[in-house]
Amino acid sequence: MARHAFLGLMCVALLAAPAVAAGNADFERMLALEGEWIELDDDGKPGDHVVSVWQVTAGGTAVMETLHPGGDNIPTVRKR
């Protein structure tokens, strides 16, 4: 009985591992977004209005995005 429970747990762990690895890869891509993001004008040229700010925080284990900085400030924190 204990052997079956152990094998069941191993199967669950092996099935969950790719999801965790994919999640870490997604988080690594979010780290690259750090900085100020500005809107483009009608011609596709950069304007001077910041629409989003991405900050890496918590020792690199979380990313905070703030939409509409200086206005309504809508922060979202994503963690590893």
Protein backbone atom coordinates (compact mmCIF):
# COMPACT_ATOMS: atom_id res chain seq x y z
CA MET A 1 0.00 0.00 0.00
CA ALA A 2 2.75 2.48 0.93
CA ARG A 3 4.59 1.58 -2.26
CA HIS A 4 1.53 2.48 -4.37
CA ALA A 5 1.15 5.79 -2.53
CA PHE A 6 4.82 6.57 -3.12
CA LEU A 7 4.54 5.73 -6.83
CA GLY A 8 1.42 7.89 -7.06
CA LEU A 9 3.24 10.83 -5.50
CA MET A 10 6.17 10.36 -7.85
CA CYS A 11 3.83 10.43 -10.86
CA VAL A 12 2.22 13.64 -9.62
CA ALA A 13 5.63 15.23 -9.05
CA LEU A 14 6.86 14.24 -12.51
CA LEU A 15 3.73 15.57 -14.16
CA ALA A 16 3.94 18.88 -12.28
CA ALA A 17 7.64 19.48 -13.03
CA PRO A 18 7.17 20.66 -16.64
CA ALA A 19 4.51 23.16 -15.53
CA VAL A 20 6.87 24.63 -12.93
CA ALA A 21 9.71 24.81 -15.45
CA ALA A 22 7.45 26.53 -17.98
CA GLY A 23 6.33 28.96 -15.28
CA ASN A 24 9.95 29.83 -14.47
CA ALA A 25 10.70 30.43 -18.16
CA ASP A 26 7.70 32.76 -18.36
CA PHE A 27 8.90 34.60 -15.26
CA GLU A 28 12.38 34.98 -16.75
CA ARG A 29 10.83 36.63 -19.82
CA MET A 30 8.93 39.03 -17.54
CA LEU A 31 12.21 40.07 -15.90
CA ALA A 32 13.33 41.39 -19.28
CA LEU A 33 10.39 43.84 -19.30
CA GLU A 34 11.95 45.95 -16.53
CA GLY A 35 11.76 49.67 -17.26
CA GLU A 36 9.34 52.35 -18.40
CA TRP A 37 7.00 51.60 -21.30
CA ILE A 38 5.65 54.54 -23.26
CA GLU A 39 2.76 54.85 -25.67
CA LEU A 40 3.26 55.33 -29.39
CA ASP A 41 1.68 58.16 -31.35
CA ASP A 42 -0.50 57.64 -34.43
CA ASP A 43 2.61 57.36 -36.60
CA GLY A 44 4.07 54.64 -34.38
CA LYS A 45 6.72 56.93 -32.94
CA PRO A 46 7.48 56.99 -29.20
CA GLY A 47 5.62 59.65 -27.27
CA ASP A 48 6.40 61.01 -23.83
CA HIS A 49 3.51 59.43 -21.90
CA VAL A 50 4.54 56.50 -19.68
CA VAL A 51 1.77 53.89 -19.60
CA SER A 52 3.47 51.11 -17.65
CA VAL A 53 6.47 50.67 -15.35
CA TRP A 54 7.98 47.24 -14.63
CA GLN A 55 10.24 46.83 -11.57
CA VAL A 56 12.12 43.74 -10.41
CA THR A 57 11.82 43.54 -6.63
CA ALA A 58 12.19 41.18 -3.67
CA GLY A 59 15.70 40.13 -4.63
CA GLY A 60 14.65 39.16 -8.14
CA THR A 61 11.80 36.90 -7.02
CA ALA A 62 8.96 39.26 -7.95
CA VAL A 63 8.08 41.70 -10.71
CA MET A 64 5.78 44.66 -10.11
CA GLU A 65 3.97 46.29 -13.00
CA THR A 66 2.31 49.66 -12.44
CA LEU A 67 -0.19 50.79 -15.05
CA HIS A 68 -0.88 54.51 -15.43
CA PRO A 69 1.95 55.72 -13.17
CA GLY A 70 1.30 59.20 -11.84
CA GLY A 71 -2.43 58.71 -12.31
CA ASP A 72 -4.69 55.97 -11.04
CA ASN A 73 -1.69 53.68 -10.35
CA ILE A 74 -2.81 50.11 -10.86
CA PRO A 75 -0.04 47.87 -9.44
CA THR A 76 0.21 44.15 -10.13
CA VAL A 77 2.84 41.92 -8.50
CA ARG A 78 3.88 38.62 -10.03
CA LYS A 79 6.18 36.28 -8.15
CA ARG A 80 8.30 33.34 -9.14
